[in-house]
PDB file of all heavy atoms in Angstrom:
ATOM      1  N   LEU A   1     -22.947 -81.842  21.972  1.00  0.00           N
ATOM      2  CA  LEU A   1     -22.042 -81.040  21.141  1.00  0.00           C
ATOM      3  C   LEU A   1     -22.725 -79.706  20.861  1.00  0.00           C
ATOM      4  O   LEU A   1     -23.882 -79.651  20.357  1.00  0.00           O
ATOM      5  CB  LEU A   1     -21.771 -81.788  19.835  1.00  0.00           C
ATOM      6  CG  LEU A   1     -20.774 -81.092  18.884  1.00  0.00           C
ATOM      7  CD1 LEU A   1     -19.375 -80.987  19.541  1.00  0.00           C
ATOM      8  CD2 LEU A   1     -20.681 -81.891  17.576  1.00  0.00           C
ATOM      9  N   SER A   2     -22.012 -78.589  21.148  1.00  0.00           N
ATOM     10  CA  SER A   2     -22.521 -77.262  20.871  1.00  0.00           C
ATOM     11  C   SER A   2     -21.486 -76.449  20.076  1.00  0.00           C
ATOM     12  O   SER A   2     -20.280 -76.709  20.116  1.00  0.00           O
ATOM     13  CB  SER A   2     -22.843 -76.516  22.194  1.00  0.00           C
ATOM     14  OG  SER A   2     -21.716 -76.355  22.987  1.00  0.00           O
ATOM     15  N   LEU A   3     -21.980 -75.431  19.339  1.00  0.00           N
ATOM     16  CA  LEU A   3     -21.161 -74.624  18.500  1.00  0.00           C
ATOM     17  C   LEU A   3     -21.364 -73.158  18.843  1.00  0.00           C
ATOM     18  O   LEU A   3     -22.486 -72.710  19.110  1.00  0.00           O
ATOM     19  CB  LEU A   3     -21.563 -74.835  17.002  1.00  0.00           C
ATOM     20  CG  LEU A   3     -20.914 -73.943  15.950  1.00  0.00           C
ATOM     21  CD1 LEU A   3     -19.411 -74.291  15.832  1.00  0.00           C
ATOM     22  CD2 LEU A   3     -21.578 -74.142  14.611  1.00  0.00           C
ATOM     23  N   ARG A   4     -20.247 -72.375  18.841  1.00  0.00           N
ATOM     24  CA  ARG A   4     -20.302 -70.930  19.120  1.00  0.00           C
ATOM     25  C   ARG A   4     -19.427 -70.199  18.120  1.00  0.00           C
ATOM     26  O   ARG A   4     -18.314 -70.596  17.872  1.00  0.00           O
ATOM     27  CB  ARG A   4     -19.826 -70.677  20.550  1.00  0.00           C
ATOM     28  CG  ARG A   4     -20.014 -69.216  20.980  1.00  0.00           C
ATOM     29  CD  ARG A   4     -19.634 -68.969  22.416  1.00  0.00           C
ATOM     30  NE  ARG A   4     -18.172 -68.950  22.603  1.00  0.00           N
ATOM     31  CZ  ARG A   4     -17.484 -69.936  23.158  1.00  0.00           C
ATOM     32  NH1 ARG A   4     -18.098 -71.022  23.592  1.00  0.00           N
ATOM     33  NH2 ARG A   4     -16.171 -69.843  23.336  1.00  0.00           N
ATOM     34  N   TYR A   5     -19.994 -69.128  17.537  1.00  0.00           N
ATOM     35  CA  TYR A   5     -19.238 -68.325  16.552  1.00  0.00           C
ATOM     36  C   TYR A   5     -19.388 -66.843  16.915  1.00  0.00           C
ATOM     37  O   TYR A   5     -20.467 -66.336  17.143  1.00  0.00           O
ATOM     38  CB  TYR A   5     -19.819 -68.512  15.127  1.00  0.00           C
ATOM     39  CG  TYR A   5     -19.106 -67.689  14.091  1.00  0.00           C
ATOM     40  CD1 TYR A   5     -17.772 -67.956  13.731  1.00  0.00           C
ATOM     41  CD2 TYR A   5     -19.758 -66.635  13.459  1.00  0.00           C
ATOM     42  CE1 TYR A   5     -17.128 -67.203  12.783  1.00  0.00           C
ATOM     43  CE2 TYR A   5     -19.104 -65.889  12.489  1.00  0.00           C
ATOM     44  CZ  TYR A   5     -17.789 -66.167  12.169  1.00  0.00           C
ATOM     45  OH  TYR A   5     -17.130 -65.421  11.208  1.00  0.00           O
ATOM     46  N   GLY A   6     -18.223 -66.184  17.087  1.00  0.00           N
ATOM     47  CA  GLY A   6     -18.201 -64.790  17.513  1.00  0.00           C
ATOM     48  C   GLY A   6     -17.606 -63.887  16.454  1.00  0.00           C
ATOM     49  O   GLY A   6     -16.643 -64.247  15.788  1.00  0.00           O
ATOM     50  N   VAL A   7     -18.207 -62.698  16.262  1.00  0.00           N
ATOM     51  CA  VAL A   7     -17.729 -61.701  15.333  1.00  0.00           C
ATOM     52  C   VAL A   7     -17.376 -60.441  16.082  1.00  0.00           C
ATOM     53  O   VAL A   7     -18.221 -59.890  16.843  1.00  0.00           O
ATOM     54  CB  VAL A   7     -18.798 -61.388  14.270  1.00  0.00           C
ATOM     55  CG1 VAL A   7     -18.304 -60.307  13.304  1.00  0.00           C
ATOM     56  CG2 VAL A   7     -19.205 -62.608  13.508  1.00  0.00           C
ATOM     57  N   GLY A   8     -16.141 -59.971  15.993  1.00  0.00           N
ATOM     58  CA  GLY A   8     -15.708 -58.754  16.695  1.00  0.00           C
ATOM     59  C   GLY A   8     -16.437 -57.519  16.163  1.00  0.00           C
ATOM     60  O   GLY A   8     -16.589 -57.380  14.975  1.00  0.00           O
ATOM     61  N   VAL A   9     -16.860 -56.652  17.058  1.00  0.00           N
ATOM     62  CA  VAL A   9     -17.534 -55.424  16.655  1.00  0.00           C
ATOM     63  C   VAL A   9     -16.541 -54.337  16.310  1.00  0.00           C
ATOM     64  O   VAL A   9     -16.630 -53.685  15.290  1.00  0.00           O
ATOM     65  CB  VAL A   9     -18.517 -54.925  17.747  1.00  0.00           C
ATOM     66  CG1 VAL A   9     -19.110 -53.571  17.378  1.00  0.00           C
ATOM     67  CG2 VAL A   9     -19.617 -55.956  17.967  1.00  0.00           C
ATOM     68  N   PHE A  10     -15.525 -54.164  17.139  1.00  0.00           N
ATOM     69  CA  PHE A  10     -14.522 -53.117  16.916  1.00  0.00           C
ATOM     70  C   PHE A  10     -13.171 -53.667  16.460  1.00  0.00           C
ATOM     71  O   PHE A  10     -12.386 -52.908  15.854  1.00  0.00           O
ATOM     72  CB  PHE A  10     -14.302 -52.317  18.214  1.00  0.00           C
ATOM     73  CG  PHE A  10     -15.582 -51.732  18.771  1.00  0.00           C
ATOM     74  CD1 PHE A  10     -16.122 -52.153  19.954  1.00  0.00           C
ATOM     75  CD2 PHE A  10     -16.254 -50.755  18.060  1.00  0.00           C
ATOM     76  CE1 PHE A  10     -17.305 -51.605  20.444  1.00  0.00           C
ATOM     77  CE2 PHE A  10     -17.443 -50.217  18.537  1.00  0.00           C
ATOM     78  CZ  PHE A  10     -17.954 -50.653  19.725  1.00  0.00           C
ATOM     79  N   GLU A  11     -12.901 -54.927  16.727  1.00  0.00           N
ATOM     80  CA  GLU A  11     -11.627 -55.532  16.345  1.00  0.00           C
ATOM     81  C   GLU A  11     -11.901 -56.632  15.340  1.00  0.00           C
ATOM     82  O   GLU A  11     -12.859 -57.408  15.454  1.00  0.00           O
ATOM     83  CB  GLU A  11     -10.937 -56.081  17.575  1.00  0.00           C
ATOM     84  CG  GLU A  11     -10.513 -55.019  18.593  1.00  0.00           C
ATOM     85  CD  GLU A  11      -9.831 -55.653  19.783  1.00  0.00           C
ATOM     86  OE1 GLU A  11      -9.837 -56.869  19.899  1.00  0.00           O
ATOM     87  OE2 GLU A  11      -9.267 -54.891  20.581  1.00  0.00           O
ATOM     88  N   PRO A  12     -11.067 -56.737  14.281  1.00  0.00           N
ATOM     89  CA  PRO A  12     -11.256 -57.751  13.254  1.00  0.00           C
ATOM     90  C   PRO A  12     -10.849 -59.151  13.738  1.00  0.00           C
ATOM     91  O   PRO A  12      -9.893 -59.739  13.241  1.00  0.00           O
ATOM     92  CB  PRO A  12     -10.391 -57.254  12.107  1.00  0.00           C
ATOM     93  CG  PRO A  12      -9.257 -56.516  12.785  1.00  0.00           C
ATOM     94  CD  PRO A  12      -9.876 -55.864  14.006  1.00  0.00           C
ATOM     95  N   ALA A  13     -11.583 -59.647  14.717  1.00  0.00           N
ATOM     96  CA  ALA A  13     -11.243 -60.944  15.297  1.00  0.00           C
ATOM     97  C   ALA A  13     -12.490 -61.822  15.368  1.00  0.00           C
ATOM     98  O   ALA A  13     -13.466 -61.449  15.998  1.00  0.00           O
ATOM     99  CB  ALA A  13     -10.672 -60.724  16.697  1.00  0.00           C
ATOM    100  N   ASN A  14     -12.400 -62.945  14.629  1.00  0.00           N
ATOM    101  CA  ASN A  14     -13.516 -63.893  14.660  1.00  0.00           C
ATOM    102  C   ASN A  14     -13.056 -65.143  15.410  1.00  0.00           C
ATOM    103  O   ASN A  14     -11.916 -65.572  15.307  1.00  0.00           O
ATOM    104  CB  ASN A  14     -13.933 -64.259  13.218  1.00  0.00           C
ATOM    105  CG  ASN A  14     -14.391 -63.066  12.440  1.00  0.00           C
ATOM    106  OD1 ASN A  14     -14.756 -62.041  13.025  1.00  0.00           O
ATOM    107  ND2 ASN A  14     -14.386 -63.174  11.098  1.00  0.00           N
ATOM    108  N   THR A  15     -14.005 -65.741  16.127  1.00  0.00           N
ATOM    109  CA  THR A  15     -13.666 -66.965  16.869  1.00  0.00           C
ATOM    110  C   THR A  15     -14.740 -67.987  16.594  1.00  0.00           C
ATOM    111  O   THR A  15     -15.927 -67.676  16.417  1.00  0.00           O
ATOM    112  CB  THR A  15     -13.611 -66.701  18.394  1.00  0.00           C
ATOM    113  OG1 THR A  15     -14.849 -66.218  18.851  1.00  0.00           O
ATOM    114  CG2 THR A  15     -12.497 -65.713  18.746  1.00  0.00           C
ATOM    115  N   ILE A  16     -14.346 -69.254  16.554  1.00  0.00           N
ATOM    116  CA  ILE A  16     -15.278 -70.361  16.457  1.00  0.00           C
ATOM    117  C   ILE A  16     -14.860 -71.432  17.419  1.00  0.00           C
ATOM    118  O   ILE A  16     -13.664 -71.682  17.638  1.00  0.00           O
ATOM    119  CB  ILE A  16     -15.300 -70.936  14.993  1.00  0.00           C
ATOM    120  CG1 ILE A  16     -16.376 -72.014  14.867  1.00  0.00           C
ATOM    121  CG2 ILE A  16     -13.946 -71.446  14.584  1.00  0.00           C
ATOM    122  CD1 ILE A  16     -16.665 -72.449  13.464  1.00  0.00           C
ATOM    123  N   ALA A  17     -15.829 -72.004  18.115  1.00  0.00           N
ATOM    124  CA  ALA A  17     -15.534 -72.975  19.155  1.00  0.00           C
ATOM    125  C   ALA A  17     -16.507 -74.111  19.123  1.00  0.00           C
ATOM    126  O   ALA A  17     -17.719 -73.918  18.923  1.00  0.00           O
ATOM    127  CB  ALA A  17     -15.531 -72.284  20.530  1.00  0.00           C
ATOM    128  N   LEU A  18     -16.017 -75.331  19.322  1.00  0.00           N
ATOM    129  CA  LEU A  18     -16.842 -76.494  19.499  1.00  0.00           C
ATOM    130  C   LEU A  18     -16.678 -77.028  20.912  1.00  0.00           C
ATOM    131  O   LEU A  18     -15.540 -77.134  21.411  1.00  0.00           O
ATOM    132  CB  LEU A  18     -16.422 -77.596  18.518  1.00  0.00           C
ATOM    133  CG  LEU A  18     -16.970 -77.494  17.091  1.00  0.00           C
ATOM    134  CD1 LEU A  18     -16.294 -78.550  16.165  1.00  0.00           C
ATOM    135  CD2 LEU A  18     -18.466 -77.712  17.038  1.00  0.00           C
ATOM    136  N   ARG A  19     -17.792 -77.319  21.571  1.00  0.00           N
ATOM    137  CA  ARG A  19     -17.731 -77.767  22.968  1.00  0.00           C
ATOM    138  C   ARG A  19     -18.439 -79.126  23.042  1.00  0.00           C
ATOM    139  O   ARG A  19     -19.538 -79.294  22.551  1.00  0.00           O
ATOM    140  CB  ARG A  19     -18.398 -76.775  23.889  1.00  0.00           C
ATOM    141  CG  ARG A  19     -18.506 -77.213  25.330  1.00  0.00           C
ATOM    142  CD  ARG A  19     -19.132 -76.162  26.191  1.00  0.00           C
ATOM    143  NE  ARG A  19     -18.290 -74.974  26.277  1.00  0.00           N
ATOM    144  CZ  ARG A  19     -18.610 -73.894  27.013  1.00  0.00           C
ATOM    145  NH1 ARG A  19     -19.746 -73.867  27.704  1.00  0.00           N
ATOM    146  NH2 ARG A  19     -17.794 -72.851  27.049  1.00  0.00           N
ATOM    147  N   TYR A  20     -17.758 -80.098  23.664  1.00  0.00           N
ATOM    148  CA  TYR A  20     -18.293 -81.434  23.829  1.00  0.00           C
ATOM    149  C   TYR A  20     -18.404 -81.778  25.303  1.00  0.00           C
ATOM    150  O   TYR A  20     -17.431 -81.654  26.063  1.00  0.00           O
ATOM    151  CB  TYR A  20     -17.416 -82.500  23.132  1.00  0.00           C
ATOM    152  CG  TYR A  20     -18.037 -83.887  23.152  1.00  0.00           C
ATOM    153  CD1 TYR A  20     -19.010 -84.235  22.254  1.00  0.00           C
ATOM    154  CD2 TYR A  20     -17.618 -84.847  24.096  1.00  0.00           C
ATOM    155  CE1 TYR A  20     -19.574 -85.513  22.264  1.00  0.00           C
ATOM    156  CE2 TYR A  20     -18.165 -86.122  24.114  1.00  0.00           C
ATOM    157  CZ  TYR A  20     -19.153 -86.444  23.196  1.00  0.00           C
ATOM    158  OH  TYR A  20     -19.709 -87.668  23.217  1.00  0.00           O
ATOM    159  N   LYS A  21     -19.628 -82.114  25.739  1.00  0.00           N
ATOM    160  CA  LYS A  21     -19.858 -82.371  27.167  1.00  0.00           C
ATOM    161  C   LYS A  21     -19.481 -83.818  27.476  1.00  0.00           C
ATOM    162  O   LYS A  21     -20.056 -84.781  26.948  1.00  0.00           O
ATOM    163  CB  LYS A  21     -21.347 -82.149  27.474  1.00  0.00           C
ATOM    164  CG  LYS A  21     -21.675 -82.281  28.960  1.00  0.00           C
ATOM    165  CD  LYS A  21     -23.163 -82.159  29.216  1.00  0.00           C
ATOM    166  CE  LYS A  21     -23.675 -80.785  28.828  1.00  0.00           C
ATOM    167  NZ  LYS A  21     -25.134 -80.657  29.167  1.00  0.00           N
ATOM    168  N   LEU A  22     -18.486 -83.963  28.332  1.00  0.00           N
ATOM    169  CA  LEU A  22     -18.078 -85.311  28.772  1.00  0.00           C
ATOM    170  C   LEU A  22     -18.945 -85.815  29.928  1.00  0.00           C
ATOM    171  O   LEU A  22     -19.211 -87.010  30.042  1.00  0.00           O
ATOM    172  CB  LEU A  22     -16.603 -85.295  29.205  1.00  0.00           C
ATOM    173  CG  LEU A  22     -15.628 -84.885  28.068  1.00  0.00           C
ATOM    174  CD1 LEU A  22     -14.206 -84.767  28.653  1.00  0.00           C
ATOM    175  CD2 LEU A  22     -15.649 -85.870  26.942  1.00  0.00           C
ATOM    176  N   SER A  23     -19.362 -84.916  30.793  1.00  0.00           N
ATOM    177  CA  SER A  23     -20.263 -85.227  31.885  1.00  0.00           C
ATOM    178  C   SER A  23     -21.002 -83.938  32.275  1.00  0.00           C
ATOM    179  O   SER A  23     -20.877 -82.970  31.576  1.00  0.00           O
ATOM    180  CB  SER A  23     -19.475 -85.790  33.091  1.00  0.00           C
ATOM    181  OG  SER A  23     -18.678 -84.786  33.650  1.00  0.00           O
ATOM    182  N   LYS A  24     -21.746 -83.975  33.381  1.00  0.00           N
ATOM    183  CA  LYS A  24     -22.489 -82.781  33.776  1.00  0.00           C
ATOM    184  C   LYS A  24     -21.567 -81.668  34.148  1.00  0.00           C
ATOM    185  O   LYS A  24     -21.906 -80.493  34.020  1.00  0.00           O
ATOM    186  CB  LYS A  24     -23.419 -83.144  34.952  1.00  0.00           C
ATOM    187  CG  LYS A  24     -24.576 -84.041  34.583  1.00  0.00           C
ATOM    188  CD  LYS A  24     -25.503 -84.240  35.780  1.00  0.00           C
ATOM    189  CE  LYS A  24     -26.715 -85.100  35.408  1.00  0.00           C
ATOM    190  NZ  LYS A  24     -27.623 -85.316  36.553  1.00  0.00           N
ATOM    191  N   LYS A  25     -20.351 -81.983  34.634  1.00  0.00           N
ATOM    192  CA  LYS A  25     -19.453 -80.937  35.131  1.00  0.00           C
ATOM    193  C   LYS A  25     -18.185 -80.783  34.295  1.00  0.00           C
ATOM    194  O   LYS A  25     -17.457 -79.810  34.495  1.00  0.00           O
ATOM    195  CB  LYS A  25     -19.046 -81.244  36.580  1.00  0.00           C
ATOM    196  CG  LYS A  25     -20.241 -81.224  37.554  1.00  0.00           C
ATOM    197  CD  LYS A  25     -19.766 -81.450  39.001  1.00  0.00           C
ATOM    198  CE  LYS A  25     -20.950 -81.405  39.960  1.00  0.00           C
ATOM    199  NZ  LYS A  25     -20.521 -81.603  41.354  1.00  0.00           N
ATOM    200  N   VAL A  26     -17.897 -81.694  33.379  1.00  0.00           N
ATOM    201  CA  VAL A  26     -16.642 -81.642  32.616  1.00  0.00           C
ATOM    202  C   VAL A  26     -16.980 -81.562  31.140  1.00  0.00           C
ATOM    203  O   VAL A  26     -17.830 -82.341  30.645  1.00  0.00           O
ATOM    204  CB  VAL A  26     -15.762 -82.876  32.918  1.00  0.00           C
ATOM    205  CG1 VAL A  26     -14.472 -82.818  32.129  1.00  0.00           C
ATOM    206  CG2 VAL A  26     -15.477 -82.973  34.398  1.00  0.00           C
ATOM    207  N   TYR A  27     -16.323 -80.637  30.424  1.00  0.00           N
ATOM    208  CA  TYR A  27     -16.519 -80.586  28.990  1.00  0.00           C
ATOM    209  C   TYR A  27     -15.197 -80.211  28.295  1.00  0.00           C
ATOM    210  O   TYR A  27     -14.305 -79.571  28.893  1.00  0.00           O
ATOM    211  CB  TYR A  27     -17.638 -79.610  28.588  1.00  0.00           C
ATOM    212  CG  TYR A  27     -17.509 -78.234  29.117  1.00  0.00           C
ATOM    213  CD1 TYR A  27     -16.776 -77.243  28.432  1.00  0.00           C
ATOM    214  CD2 TYR A  27     -18.146 -77.837  30.295  1.00  0.00           C
ATOM    215  CE1 TYR A  27     -16.683 -75.956  28.888  1.00  0.00           C
ATOM    216  CE2 TYR A  27     -18.063 -76.564  30.793  1.00  0.00           C
ATOM    217  CZ  TYR A  27     -17.321 -75.609  30.093  1.00  0.00           C
ATOM    218  OH  TYR A  27     -17.202 -74.349  30.556  1.00  0.00           O
ATOM    219  N   LEU A  28     -15.116 -80.585  27.054  1.00  0.00           N
ATOM    220  CA  LEU A  28     -13.920 -80.390  26.227  1.00  0.00           C
ATOM    221  C   LEU A  28     -14.266 -79.320  25.179  1.00  0.00           C
ATOM    222  O   LEU A  28     -15.313 -79.389  24.530  1.00  0.00           O
ATOM    223  CB  LEU A  28     -13.537 -81.699  25.553  1.00  0.00           C
ATOM    224  CG  LEU A  28     -12.280 -81.700  24.653  1.00  0.00           C
ATOM    225  CD1 LEU A  28     -11.030 -81.529  25.529  1.00  0.00           C
ATOM    226  CD2 LEU A  28     -12.205 -83.014  23.891  1.00  0.00           C
ATOM    227  N   GLU A  29     -13.359 -78.318  24.978  1.00  0.00           N
ATOM    228  CA  GLU A  29     -13.625 -77.254  24.027  1.00  0.00           C
ATOM    229  C   GLU A  29     -12.433 -77.005  23.119  1.00  0.00           C
ATOM    230  O   GLU A  29     -11.288 -76.848  23.600  1.00  0.00           O
ATOM    231  CB  GLU A  29     -14.003 -75.947  24.764  1.00  0.00           C
ATOM    232  CG  GLU A  29     -14.343 -74.808  23.815  1.00  0.00           C
ATOM    233  CD  GLU A  29     -14.819 -73.583  24.545  1.00  0.00           C
ATOM    234  OE1 GLU A  29     -16.003 -73.550  24.916  1.00  0.00           O
ATOM    235  OE2 GLU A  29     -14.006 -72.658  24.778  1.00  0.00           O
ATOM    236  N   ALA A  30     -12.726 -76.989  21.798  1.00  0.00           N
ATOM    237  CA  ALA A  30     -11.718 -76.644  20.792  1.00  0.00           C
ATOM    238  C   ALA A  30     -12.072 -75.327  20.212  1.00  0.00           C
ATOM    239  O   ALA A  30     -13.181 -75.148  19.701  1.00  0.00           O
ATOM    240  CB  ALA A  30     -11.651 -77.733  19.729  1.00  0.00           C
ATOM    241  N   ALA A  31     -11.172 -74.335  20.287  1.00  0.00           N
ATOM    242  CA  ALA A  31     -11.460 -72.973  19.827  1.00  0.00           C
ATOM    243  C   ALA A  31     -10.405 -72.535  18.806  1.00  0.00           C
ATOM    244  O   ALA A  31      -9.215 -72.876  18.930  1.00  0.00           O
ATOM    245  CB  ALA A  31     -11.519 -72.003  21.018  1.00  0.00           C
ATOM    246  N   SER A  32     -10.816 -71.748  17.834  1.00  0.00           N
ATOM    247  CA  SER A  32      -9.914 -71.222  16.797  1.00  0.00           C
ATOM    248  C   SER A  32     -10.254 -69.743  16.616  1.00  0.00           C
ATOM    249  O   SER A  32     -11.416 -69.369  16.463  1.00  0.00           O
ATOM    250  CB  SER A  32     -10.096 -71.983  15.504  1.00  0.00           C
ATOM    251  OG  SER A  32      -9.272 -71.419  14.500  1.00  0.00           O
ATOM    252  N   GLY A  33      -9.251 -68.900  16.615  1.00  0.00           N
ATOM    253  CA  GLY A  33      -9.451 -67.456  16.417  1.00  0.00           C
ATOM    254  C   GLY A  33      -8.081 -66.818  16.323  1.00  0.00           C
ATOM    255  O   GLY A  33      -7.228 -67.214  15.516  1.00  0.00           O
ATOM    256  N   VAL A  34      -7.855 -65.733  17.142  1.00  0.00           N
ATOM    257  CA  VAL A  34      -6.553 -65.155  17.224  1.00  0.00           C
ATOM    258  C   VAL A  34      -5.523 -66.189  17.650  1.00  0.00           C
ATOM    259  O   VAL A  34      -4.400 -66.246  17.174  1.00  0.00           O
ATOM    260  CB  VAL A  34      -6.547 -63.981  18.217  1.00  0.00           C
ATOM    261  CG1 VAL A  34      -5.159 -63.341  18.360  1.00  0.00           C
ATOM    262  CG2 VAL A  34      -7.562 -62.919  17.751  1.00  0.00           C
ATOM    263  N   ALA A  35      -5.924 -67.049  18.546  1.00  0.00           N
ATOM    264  CA  ALA A  35      -5.069 -68.180  18.978  1.00  0.00           C
ATOM    265  C   ALA A  35      -5.951 -69.429  19.041  1.00  0.00           C
ATOM    266  O   ALA A  35      -7.122 -69.353  19.440  1.00  0.00           O
ATOM    267  CB  ALA A  35      -4.423 -67.910  20.302  1.00  0.00           C
ATOM    268  N   SER A  36      -5.428 -70.579  18.617  1.00  0.00           N
ATOM    269  CA  SER A  36      -6.145 -71.812  18.685  1.00  0.00           C
ATOM    270  C   SER A  36      -5.835 -72.525  19.991  1.00  0.00           C
ATOM    271  O   SER A  36      -4.740 -72.437  20.523  1.00  0.00           O
ATOM    272  CB  SER A  36      -5.779 -72.712  17.502  1.00  0.00           C
ATOM    273  OG  SER A  36      -6.129 -72.062  16.281  1.00  0.00           O
ATOM    274  N   SER A  37      -6.869 -73.263  20.499  1.00  0.00           N
ATOM    275  CA  SER A  37      -6.634 -73.931  21.776  1.00  0.00           C
ATOM    276  C   SER A  37      -7.510 -75.174  21.880  1.00  0.00           C
ATOM    277  O   SER A  37      -8.498 -75.293  21.164  1.00  0.00           O
ATOM    278  CB  SER A  37      -6.957 -72.972  22.935  1.00  0.00           C
ATOM    279  OG  SER A  37      -8.316 -72.616  22.931  1.00  0.00           O
ATOM    280  N   LEU A  38      -7.106 -76.046  22.755  1.00  0.00           N
ATOM    281  CA  LEU A  38      -7.919 -77.242  23.092  1.00  0.00           C
ATOM    282  C   LEU A  38      -7.872 -77.313  24.622  1.00  0.00           C
ATOM    283  O   LEU A  38      -6.814 -77.499  25.193  1.00  0.00           O
ATOM    284  CB  LEU A  38      -7.309 -78.506  22.473  1.00  0.00           C
ATOM    285  CG  LEU A  38      -8.072 -79.813  22.812  1.00  0.00           C
ATOM    286  CD1 LEU A  38      -9.501 -79.754  22.268  1.00  0.00           C
ATOM    287  CD2 LEU A  38      -7.339 -81.000  22.259  1.00  0.00           C
ATOM    288  N   ASP A  39      -9.043 -77.178  25.277  1.00  0.00           N
ATOM    289  CA  ASP A  39      -9.063 -77.063  26.739  1.00  0.00           C
ATOM    290  C   ASP A  39     -10.080 -78.040  27.312  1.00  0.00           C
ATOM    291  O   ASP A  39     -11.075 -78.429  26.657  1.00  0.00           O
ATOM    292  CB  ASP A  39      -9.476 -75.653  27.165  1.00  0.00           C
ATOM    293  CG  ASP A  39      -8.557 -74.588  26.611  1.00  0.00           C
ATOM    294  OD1 ASP A  39      -7.401 -74.532  27.080  1.00  0.00           O
ATOM    295  OD2 ASP A  39      -8.990 -73.818  25.740  1.00  0.00           O
ATOM    296  N   ILE A  40      -9.794 -78.426  28.562  1.00  0.00           N
ATOM    297  CA  ILE A  40     -10.746 -79.230  29.325  1.00  0.00           C
ATOM    298  C   ILE A  40     -11.195 -78.341  30.519  1.00  0.00           C
ATOM    299  O   ILE A  40     -10.393 -77.812  31.242  1.00  0.00           O
ATOM    300  CB  ILE A  40     -10.089 -80.507  29.877  1.00  0.00           C
ATOM    301  CG1 ILE A  40      -9.720 -81.453  28.714  1.00  0.00           C
ATOM    302  CG2 ILE A  40     -11.040 -81.242  30.822  1.00  0.00           C
ATOM    303  CD1 ILE A  40      -9.080 -82.734  29.166  1.00  0.00           C
ATOM    304  N   PHE A  41     -12.526 -78.188  30.629  1.00  0.00           N
ATOM    305  CA  PHE A  41     -13.097 -77.314  31.669  1.00  0.00           C
ATOM    306  C   PHE A  41     -13.834 -78.171  32.701  1.00  0.00           C
ATOM    307  O   PHE A  41     -14.520 -79.137  32.353  1.00  0.00           O
ATOM    308  CB  PHE A  41     -14.087 -76.314  31.043  1.00  0.00           C
ATOM    309  CG  PHE A  41     -13.417 -75.258  30.226  1.00  0.00           C
ATOM    310  CD1 PHE A  41     -13.227 -75.466  28.841  1.00  0.00           C
ATOM    311  CD2 PHE A  41     -13.000 -74.067  30.792  1.00  0.00           C
ATOM    312  CE1 PHE A  41     -12.622 -74.480  28.105  1.00  0.00           C
ATOM    313  CE2 PHE A  41     -12.423 -73.074  30.019  1.00  0.00           C
ATOM    314  CZ  PHE A  41     -12.203 -73.277  28.685  1.00  0.00           C
TER     315      PHE A  41
END
C-alpha cells in the first residue's frame, strides 16, 4: 500500500491517491481530486 499527495503549483488542484499492489504487474488505485476515480492498472 502506497500513498501519493499532489499540490498544484499554478492551478488550485490537489490530488490524493492510494495504490494497492495486487501482484508484481497489477495494482489498484483510488484517486480523489478534480475528479475521483478507481482504476486497475
